[in-house]
Every structure is written in structure tokens, then in C-alpha cells.
Amino acid sequence: MNKSFVAAVTALSVLSGCTTFDAYTGEEKVSSTAKGAGIGAGIAAVVSYVKNKDASSADRRKRMLTAAGIGAVAGGSVGYYMDSQEAKLRKQLRDSGVSVVRDGDNINLIMPGNITFNTGAASINSNFYQVLDSVALVLEEFDKTIVAVAGHTDSTGSSSFNQSLSEQRAQSVGSYLKSRGVVDARIEVIGFGENQPIADNNTAQGREQNRRVELTLVPIVEGA
């Protein structure tokens, strides 16, 4: 990963406690102010990474998406399309431990490491397969999105180890989603190591929040 890109996204703030309630599920939702201060900034970093890949990679993805029969959302319909997908995800993932955060036309699914992986390991916990199966079903239904799978760690251990672990965990989740039918061309795997904390690494609770995998769903828009 480009070092200048990593450096540009390391200064993230802790998420504030402002919430509202989702009309579909009754689940608490993070406000736009809170998202901008914390997790929303992580979404912006992932979207920037996906959109700023080199031209050859972008062209290759377009060819793969076309070959797989994956279309795009008309510009005026993007909001409704992502609203519908968000509602379905909230319903499927309620009480799963996975947080659903909306930022503009993008959706972020935050999967805490304590329910997804054993400490220091990159193999998915078997009791989390059912949750990922639910995610895969929604992703198959709403297939006009890029799925960026980003791994994150706390600051314990060396930065090189954490970078490698974050990549391995993201790859594990990405590979599982592919095995459940999500088209390979839609999946982008990224490891951010310890560089995107959403909580204080000086506390056990904060480190637990920072050990996570996030799925960012970015709509494929006509003409974009």
C-alpha cells in the first residue's frame, strides 16, 4: 500500500455518542456528526483508496464486472438503492454484533475482531459464518456495489506484524464471501494495520474496538 496514503488517513478521532433510531428496525444509528468524527472518516479513506487505483486496475475491474453481468445504478436512483440495501442489512444483522453505518451513498459494516477472529489469528470463527452468510445473501441481491473489505488491528505488537495480520483477516473475509457467491470482481481487499484506530489504544476496551474488519459498500454508478 502507498505509504503516503496510509499516513494521510491515520489521524482519525474517536466516535462520539450521538445516535438516532432506525425507522425499519429500531436500531440505534450513528449521527452524521459522529460519523464524520470517527467511523465515517474510515469510510472516506476506503472510498478514496478504491477510486484512486491506477487506470489499468480500474479498467480491468470494469471488464470483469461486465463479463460477470454486473450492471450499474442510474445516478438518480443511487440513494433509493442504497436505502433499500441498508434496510435489508439492518434487518439481517440485528443482534449479530455487526454495526451498520451509513455515510452518504456508502454503507459500512463493522465486524469486531472479538466475534470474528481469535486473538492473533486470521481464521474466521466458525460461529461467525452464519453472520457472513446473511451478509452474502444481501450482497448477492444488491449486486451493483463494490465491496471493500478492510482489516484493522490495535497497536499491540510491531507495525509490520499488524499490517500483515490486517491483510490476512481481510483476505479471509473476502475469500469467504466469494465462496458464498459474491462475484470476485466486486471485492477489494485492503489491510490498514494499526493506522486507523476508532478508539483509544491505551485502554483494553479501545483496543478491542480497533481490532475489526469493515466492509464498505460503494455503489457502481452509471457513467462514473
C-alpha atoms as a PDB file:
ATOM      1  CA  MET A   1       0.000   0.000   0.000  1.00  0.00           C
ATOM      2  CA  ASN A   2       1.207   3.523  -0.783  1.00  0.00           C
ATOM      3  CA  LYS A   3       2.870   4.943   2.375  1.00  0.00           C
ATOM      4  CA  SER A   4       1.671   8.471   1.731  1.00  0.00           C
ATOM      5  CA  PHE A   5      -1.904   7.195   1.550  1.00  0.00           C
ATOM      6  CA  VAL A   6      -1.518   5.385   4.885  1.00  0.00           C
ATOM      7  CA  ALA A   7      -0.074   8.490   6.502  1.00  0.00           C
ATOM      8  CA  ALA A   8      -2.935  10.600   5.231  1.00  0.00           C
ATOM      9  CA  VAL A   9      -5.603   8.509   6.920  1.00  0.00           C
ATOM     10  CA  THR A  10      -4.058   7.786  10.317  1.00  0.00           C
ATOM     11  CA  ALA A  11      -5.394  10.814  12.199  1.00  0.00           C
ATOM     12  CA  LEU A  12      -8.925   9.653  12.998  1.00  0.00           C
ATOM     13  CA  SER A  13     -10.957  10.801  16.006  1.00  0.00           C
ATOM     14  CA  VAL A  14     -12.932   8.683  18.469  1.00  0.00           C
ATOM     15  CA  LEU A  15     -16.592   8.212  17.576  1.00  0.00           C
ATOM     16  CA  SER A  16     -18.959  10.364  19.638  1.00  0.00           C
ATOM     17  CA  GLY A  17     -22.172   9.066  21.167  1.00  0.00           C
ATOM     18  CA  CYS A  18     -24.771  10.895  19.067  1.00  0.00           C
ATOM     19  CA  THR A  19     -27.414   8.442  17.837  1.00  0.00           C
ATOM     20  CA  THR A  20     -30.868   8.283  16.296  1.00  0.00           C
ATOM     21  CA  PHE A  21     -33.176   5.303  15.778  1.00  0.00           C
ATOM     22  CA  ASP A  22     -33.627   3.427  12.524  1.00  0.00           C
ATOM     23  CA  ALA A  23     -37.222   3.522  11.295  1.00  0.00           C
ATOM     24  CA  TYR A  24     -37.047  -0.035   9.907  1.00  0.00           C
ATOM     25  CA  THR A  25     -35.515  -1.935  12.821  1.00  0.00           C
ATOM     26  CA  GLY A  26     -35.476   0.350  15.864  1.00  0.00           C
ATOM     27  CA  GLU A  27     -31.672   0.027  15.927  1.00  0.00           C
ATOM     28  CA  GLU A  28     -29.633   2.992  17.110  1.00  0.00           C
ATOM     29  CA  LYS A  29     -27.937   4.806  14.242  1.00  0.00           C
ATOM     30  CA  VAL A  30     -24.837   6.982  14.412  1.00  0.00           C
ATOM     31  CA  SER A  31     -25.486  10.620  13.532  1.00  0.00           C
ATOM     32  CA  SER A  32     -23.806  12.320  10.585  1.00  0.00           C
ATOM     33  CA  THR A  33     -21.771  14.441  13.015  1.00  0.00           C
ATOM     34  CA  ALA A  34     -20.474  11.380  14.834  1.00  0.00           C
ATOM     35  CA  LYS A  35     -19.699   9.572  11.608  1.00  0.00           C
ATOM     36  CA  GLY A  36     -17.689  12.486  10.318  1.00  0.00           C
ATOM     37  CA  ALA A  37     -15.633  12.464  13.510  1.00  0.00           C
ATOM     38  CA  GLY A  38     -14.821   8.781  13.547  1.00  0.00           C
ATOM     39  CA  ILE A  39     -16.001   5.783  11.570  1.00  0.00           C
ATOM     40  CA  GLY A  40     -17.230   7.944   8.689  1.00  0.00           C
ATOM     41  CA  ALA A  41     -13.670   9.114   8.164  1.00  0.00           C
ATOM     42  CA  GLY A  42     -12.699   5.460   7.758  1.00  0.00           C
ATOM     43  CA  ILE A  43     -15.327   5.069   5.059  1.00  0.00           C
ATOM     44  CA  ALA A  44     -13.906   8.094   3.258  1.00  0.00           C
ATOM     45  CA  ALA A  45     -10.419   6.574   3.384  1.00  0.00           C
ATOM     46  CA  VAL A  46     -11.601   3.286   1.862  1.00  0.00           C
ATOM     47  CA  VAL A  47     -13.645   5.019  -0.845  1.00  0.00           C
ATOM     48  CA  SER A  48     -10.625   7.169  -1.699  1.00  0.00           C
ATOM     49  CA  TYR A  49      -8.433   4.075  -1.937  1.00  0.00           C
ATOM     50  CA  VAL A  50     -10.865   2.272  -4.235  1.00  0.00           C
ATOM     51  CA  LYS A  51     -11.483   5.268  -6.502  1.00  0.00           C
ATOM     52  CA  ASN A  52      -7.837   6.258  -6.823  1.00  0.00           C
ATOM     53  CA  LYS A  53      -6.407   2.961  -8.013  1.00  0.00           C
ATOM     54  CA  ASP A  54      -4.353   3.164 -11.175  1.00  0.00           C
ATOM     55  CA  ALA A  55      -6.161   3.319 -14.510  1.00  0.00           C
ATOM     56  CA  SER A  56      -5.144  -0.188 -15.585  1.00  0.00           C
ATOM     57  CA  SER A  57      -6.639  -1.695 -12.418  1.00  0.00           C
ATOM     58  CA  ALA A  58      -9.842   0.311 -12.856  1.00  0.00           C
ATOM     59  CA  ASP A  59     -10.189  -0.791 -16.478  1.00  0.00           C
ATOM     60  CA  ARG A  60      -9.574  -4.399 -15.508  1.00  0.00           C
ATOM     61  CA  ARG A  61     -12.322  -4.212 -12.872  1.00  0.00           C
ATOM     62  CA  LYS A  62     -14.775  -2.758 -15.398  1.00  0.00           C
ATOM     63  CA  ARG A  63     -14.049  -5.590 -17.815  1.00  0.00           C
ATOM     64  CA  MET A  64     -14.504  -8.186 -15.065  1.00  0.00           C
ATOM     65  CA  LEU A  65     -17.772  -6.620 -13.903  1.00  0.00           C
ATOM     66  CA  THR A  66     -19.084  -6.547 -17.466  1.00  0.00           C
ATOM     67  CA  ALA A  67     -18.063 -10.163 -18.021  1.00  0.00           C
ATOM     68  CA  ALA A  68     -19.843 -11.136 -14.808  1.00  0.00           C
ATOM     69  CA  GLY A  69     -23.014  -9.336 -15.884  1.00  0.00           C
ATOM     70  CA  ILE A  70     -22.798  -6.755 -13.086  1.00  0.00           C
ATOM     71  CA  GLY A  71     -24.522  -3.538 -14.095  1.00  0.00           C
ATOM     72  CA  ALA A  72     -24.618  -0.050 -12.593  1.00  0.00           C
ATOM     73  CA  VAL A  73     -27.174   2.062 -10.755  1.00  0.00           C
ATOM     74  CA  ALA A  74     -28.670   5.054 -12.581  1.00  0.00           C
ATOM     75  CA  GLY A  75     -27.451   8.255 -10.945  1.00  0.00           C
ATOM     76  CA  GLY A  76     -30.884   9.377  -9.789  1.00  0.00           C
ATOM     77  CA  SER A  77     -31.649   6.008  -8.190  1.00  0.00           C
ATOM     78  CA  VAL A  78     -28.497   5.562  -6.097  1.00  0.00           C
ATOM     79  CA  GLY A  79     -29.970   6.884  -2.851  1.00  0.00           C
ATOM     80  CA  TYR A  80     -33.030   4.646  -3.013  1.00  0.00           C
ATOM     81  CA  TYR A  81     -30.914   1.622  -3.993  1.00  0.00           C
ATOM     82  CA  MET A  82     -28.583   2.074  -1.023  1.00  0.00           C
ATOM     83  CA  ASP A  83     -31.521   2.855   1.313  1.00  0.00           C
ATOM     84  CA  SER A  84     -33.113  -0.465   0.398  1.00  0.00           C
ATOM     85  CA  GLN A  85     -29.850  -2.334   0.865  1.00  0.00           C
ATOM     86  CA  GLU A  86     -29.226  -0.647   4.226  1.00  0.00           C
ATOM     87  CA  ALA A  87     -32.691  -1.596   5.480  1.00  0.00           C
ATOM     88  CA  LYS A  88     -32.175  -5.240   4.481  1.00  0.00           C
ATOM     89  CA  LEU A  89     -28.732  -5.362   6.138  1.00  0.00           C
ATOM     90  CA  ARG A  90     -30.024  -3.852   9.378  1.00  0.00           C
ATOM     91  CA  LYS A  91     -32.800  -6.424   9.480  1.00  0.00           C
ATOM     92  CA  GLN A  92     -30.449  -9.339   8.764  1.00  0.00           C
ATOM     93  CA  LEU A  93     -27.700  -8.215  11.152  1.00  0.00           C
ATOM     94  CA  ARG A  94     -29.723  -7.066  14.136  1.00  0.00           C
ATOM     95  CA  ASP A  95     -28.267  -8.533  17.379  1.00  0.00           C
ATOM     96  CA  SER A  96     -25.329 -10.027  15.421  1.00  0.00           C
ATOM     97  CA  GLY A  97     -22.702  -7.691  16.898  1.00  0.00           C
ATOM     98  CA  VAL A  98     -22.092  -6.115  13.474  1.00  0.00           C
ATOM     99  CA  SER A  99     -22.646  -2.340  13.265  1.00  0.00           C
ATOM    100  CA  VAL A 100     -24.212  -0.791  10.166  1.00  0.00           C
ATOM    101  CA  VAL A 101     -23.076   2.787   9.472  1.00  0.00           C
ATOM    102  CA  ARG A 102     -24.366   4.893   6.570  1.00  0.00           C
ATOM    103  CA  ASP A 103     -22.245   7.702   5.119  1.00  0.00           C
ATOM    104  CA  GLY A 104     -23.832   9.413   2.116  1.00  0.00           C
ATOM    105  CA  ASP A 105     -24.329   6.766  -0.575  1.00  0.00           C
ATOM    106  CA  ASN A 106     -21.912   4.323   1.084  1.00  0.00           C
ATOM    107  CA  ILE A 107     -22.593   1.686   3.747  1.00  0.00           C
ATOM    108  CA  ASN A 108     -20.077   0.391   6.269  1.00  0.00           C
ATOM    109  CA  LEU A 109     -20.395  -2.923   8.125  1.00  0.00           C
ATOM    110  CA  ILE A 110     -18.107  -3.020  11.170  1.00  0.00           C
ATOM    111  CA  MET A 111     -17.251  -6.524  12.388  1.00  0.00           C
ATOM    112  CA  PRO A 112     -15.492  -6.521  15.773  1.00  0.00           C
ATOM    113  CA  GLY A 113     -12.451  -8.790  15.934  1.00  0.00           C
ATOM    114  CA  ASN A 114     -13.563 -10.354  19.218  1.00  0.00           C
ATOM    115  CA  ILE A 115     -16.520 -12.028  17.486  1.00  0.00           C
ATOM    116  CA  THR A 116     -14.872 -12.599  14.108  1.00  0.00           C
ATOM    117  CA  PHE A 117     -11.376 -13.935  14.916  1.00  0.00           C
ATOM    118  CA  ASN A 118      -9.401 -15.411  17.789  1.00  0.00           C
ATOM    119  CA  THR A 119      -6.636 -13.191  19.150  1.00  0.00           C
ATOM    120  CA  GLY A 120      -3.697 -13.006  16.747  1.00  0.00           C
ATOM    121  CA  ALA A 121      -5.380 -15.350  14.263  1.00  0.00           C
ATOM    122  CA  ALA A 122      -6.710 -14.794  10.737  1.00  0.00           C
ATOM    123  CA  SER A 123      -9.099 -17.769  10.528  1.00  0.00           C
ATOM    124  CA  ILE A 124     -12.769 -16.794  10.865  1.00  0.00           C
ATOM    125  CA  ASN A 125     -14.517 -18.116  13.975  1.00  0.00           C
ATOM    126  CA  SER A 126     -16.927 -20.852  12.910  1.00  0.00           C
ATOM    127  CA  ASN A 127     -19.797 -19.260  14.859  1.00  0.00           C
ATOM    128  CA  PHE A 128     -19.466 -16.155  12.670  1.00  0.00           C
ATOM    129  CA  TYR A 129     -20.106 -17.985   9.395  1.00  0.00           C
ATOM    130  CA  GLN A 130     -23.861 -17.599   9.758  1.00  0.00           C
ATOM    131  CA  VAL A 131     -23.499 -13.808  10.032  1.00  0.00           C
ATOM    132  CA  LEU A 132     -21.325 -13.671   6.914  1.00  0.00           C
ATOM    133  CA  ASP A 133     -23.838 -15.902   5.124  1.00  0.00           C
ATOM    134  CA  SER A 134     -26.533 -13.305   5.879  1.00  0.00           C
ATOM    135  CA  VAL A 135     -24.291 -10.538   4.543  1.00  0.00           C
ATOM    136  CA  ALA A 136     -23.550 -12.537   1.379  1.00  0.00           C
ATOM    137  CA  LEU A 137     -27.256 -13.025   0.668  1.00  0.00           C
ATOM    138  CA  VAL A 138     -27.852  -9.259   0.751  1.00  0.00           C
ATOM    139  CA  LEU A 139     -24.746  -8.583  -1.341  1.00  0.00           C
ATOM    140  CA  GLU A 140     -25.982 -11.010  -3.973  1.00  0.00           C
ATOM    141  CA  GLU A 141     -29.402  -9.359  -4.048  1.00  0.00           C
ATOM    142  CA  PHE A 142     -27.899  -5.857  -4.280  1.00  0.00           C
ATOM    143  CA  ASP A 143     -25.045  -6.626  -6.632  1.00  0.00           C
ATOM    144  CA  LYS A 144     -24.404  -3.124  -8.015  1.00  0.00           C
ATOM    145  CA  THR A 145     -21.753  -2.306  -5.407  1.00  0.00           C
ATOM    146  CA  ILE A 146     -18.022  -2.647  -4.912  1.00  0.00           C
ATOM    147  CA  VAL A 147     -17.322  -4.467  -1.627  1.00  0.00           C
ATOM    148  CA  ALA A 148     -14.151  -3.147   0.008  1.00  0.00           C
ATOM    149  CA  VAL A 149     -13.027  -5.484   2.821  1.00  0.00           C
ATOM    150  CA  ALA A 150     -10.658  -3.630   5.172  1.00  0.00           C
ATOM    151  CA  GLY A 151      -8.728  -5.222   8.023  1.00  0.00           C
ATOM    152  CA  HIS A 152      -7.684  -3.217  11.101  1.00  0.00           C
ATOM    153  CA  THR A 153      -5.719  -4.008  14.271  1.00  0.00           C
ATOM    154  CA  ASP A 154      -4.870  -2.337  17.567  1.00  0.00           C
ATOM    155  CA  SER A 155      -1.360  -1.021  18.219  1.00  0.00           C
ATOM    156  CA  THR A 156      -0.145  -4.025  20.239  1.00  0.00           C
ATOM    157  CA  GLY A 157       2.879  -5.643  18.597  1.00  0.00           C
ATOM    158  CA  SER A 158       5.006  -4.424  15.714  1.00  0.00           C
ATOM    159  CA  SER A 159       3.518  -2.353  12.927  1.00  0.00           C
ATOM    160  CA  SER A 160       4.733  -4.879  10.345  1.00  0.00           C
ATOM    161  CA  PHE A 161       3.000  -7.770  12.146  1.00  0.00           C
ATOM    162  CA  ASN A 162      -0.206  -5.739  12.471  1.00  0.00           C
ATOM    163  CA  GLN A 163      -0.139  -4.805   8.792  1.00  0.00           C
ATOM    164  CA  SER A 164       0.235  -8.436   7.780  1.00  0.00           C
ATOM    165  CA  LEU A 165      -2.482  -9.597  10.197  1.00  0.00           C
ATOM    166  CA  SER A 166      -4.918  -6.960   8.955  1.00  0.00           C
ATOM    167  CA  GLU A 167      -4.358  -8.064   5.360  1.00  0.00           C
ATOM    168  CA  GLN A 168      -4.786 -11.744   6.234  1.00  0.00           C
ATOM    169  CA  ARG A 169      -8.031 -11.106   8.112  1.00  0.00           C
ATOM    170  CA  ALA A 170      -9.447  -9.016   5.288  1.00  0.00           C
ATOM    171  CA  GLN A 171      -8.470 -11.749   2.833  1.00  0.00           C
ATOM    172  CA  SER A 172     -10.201 -14.386   4.977  1.00  0.00           C
ATOM    173  CA  VAL A 173     -13.475 -12.449   4.957  1.00  0.00           C
ATOM    174  CA  GLY A 174     -13.179 -11.610   1.252  1.00  0.00           C
ATOM    175  CA  SER A 175     -12.481 -15.236   0.348  1.00  0.00           C
ATOM    176  CA  TYR A 176     -15.430 -16.465   2.395  1.00  0.00           C
ATOM    177  CA  LEU A 177     -17.810 -14.017   0.709  1.00  0.00           C
ATOM    178  CA  LYS A 178     -16.564 -15.226  -2.685  1.00  0.00           C
ATOM    179  CA  SER A 179     -17.213 -18.821  -1.600  1.00  0.00           C
ATOM    180  CA  ARG A 180     -20.815 -17.815  -0.836  1.00  0.00           C
ATOM    181  CA  GLY A 181     -21.387 -16.462  -4.335  1.00  0.00           C
ATOM    182  CA  VAL A 182     -20.258 -12.827  -4.226  1.00  0.00           C
ATOM    183  CA  VAL A 183     -18.585 -12.081  -7.579  1.00  0.00           C
ATOM    184  CA  ASP A 184     -14.818 -11.770  -7.318  1.00  0.00           C
ATOM    185  CA  ALA A 185     -14.710  -8.588  -9.421  1.00  0.00           C
ATOM    186  CA  ARG A 186     -16.736  -6.745  -6.791  1.00  0.00           C
ATOM    187  CA  ILE A 187     -14.361  -7.450  -3.906  1.00  0.00           C
ATOM    188  CA  GLU A 188     -11.421  -5.231  -2.961  1.00  0.00           C
ATOM    189  CA  VAL A 189      -9.235  -6.428  -0.065  1.00  0.00           C
ATOM    190  CA  ILE A 190      -7.277  -3.849   1.959  1.00  0.00           C
ATOM    191  CA  GLY A 191      -5.165  -4.050   5.120  1.00  0.00           C
ATOM    192  CA  PHE A 192      -4.726  -0.882   7.185  1.00  0.00           C
ATOM    193  CA  GLY A 193      -2.828  -2.430  10.098  1.00  0.00           C
ATOM    194  CA  GLU A 194      -2.898  -0.207  13.197  1.00  0.00           C
ATOM    195  CA  ASN A 195      -3.216   3.024  11.195  1.00  0.00           C
ATOM    196  CA  GLN A 196      -6.977   3.659  11.539  1.00  0.00           C
ATOM    197  CA  PRO A 197      -7.950   3.456  15.221  1.00  0.00           C
ATOM    198  CA  ILE A 198     -11.547   4.352  16.091  1.00  0.00           C
ATOM    199  CA  ALA A 199     -10.883   4.221  19.844  1.00  0.00           C
ATOM    200  CA  ASP A 200      -8.084   4.747  22.376  1.00  0.00           C
ATOM    201  CA  ASN A 201      -5.368   2.089  22.098  1.00  0.00           C
ATOM    202  CA  ASN A 202      -4.326   2.835  25.689  1.00  0.00           C
ATOM    203  CA  THR A 203      -7.365   1.003  27.074  1.00  0.00           C
ATOM    204  CA  ALA A 204      -8.410  -2.638  26.728  1.00  0.00           C
ATOM    205  CA  GLN A 205     -11.886  -1.582  25.558  1.00  0.00           C
ATOM    206  CA  GLY A 206     -10.398   0.742  22.959  1.00  0.00           C
ATOM    207  CA  ARG A 207      -8.034  -1.908  21.625  1.00  0.00           C
ATOM    208  CA  GLU A 208     -10.951  -4.318  21.301  1.00  0.00           C
ATOM    209  CA  GLN A 209     -12.851  -1.785  19.168  1.00  0.00           C
ATOM    210  CA  ASN A 210      -9.821  -1.202  16.963  1.00  0.00           C
ATOM    211  CA  ARG A 211      -9.437  -4.933  16.180  1.00  0.00           C
ATOM    212  CA  ARG A 212     -12.029  -5.208  13.436  1.00  0.00           C
ATOM    213  CA  VAL A 213     -12.872  -5.883   9.801  1.00  0.00           C
ATOM    214  CA  GLU A 214     -15.030  -3.389   7.910  1.00  0.00           C
ATOM    215  CA  LEU A 215     -16.991  -3.944   4.716  1.00  0.00           C
ATOM    216  CA  THR A 216     -17.600  -0.733   2.793  1.00  0.00           C
ATOM    217  CA  LEU A 217     -20.248  -0.963   0.080  1.00  0.00           C
ATOM    218  CA  VAL A 218     -19.688   1.588  -2.681  1.00  0.00           C
ATOM    219  CA  PRO A 219     -22.377   1.876  -5.394  1.00  0.00           C
ATOM    220  CA  ILE A 220     -21.392   1.295  -9.015  1.00  0.00           C
ATOM    221  CA  VAL A 221     -22.902   4.343 -10.698  1.00  0.00           C
ATOM    222  CA  GLU A 222     -23.627   4.755 -14.405  1.00  0.00           C
ATOM    223  CA  GLY A 223     -21.085   6.999 -16.097  1.00  0.00           C
ATOM    224  CA  ALA A 224     -18.774   7.111 -13.069  1.00  0.00           C
END
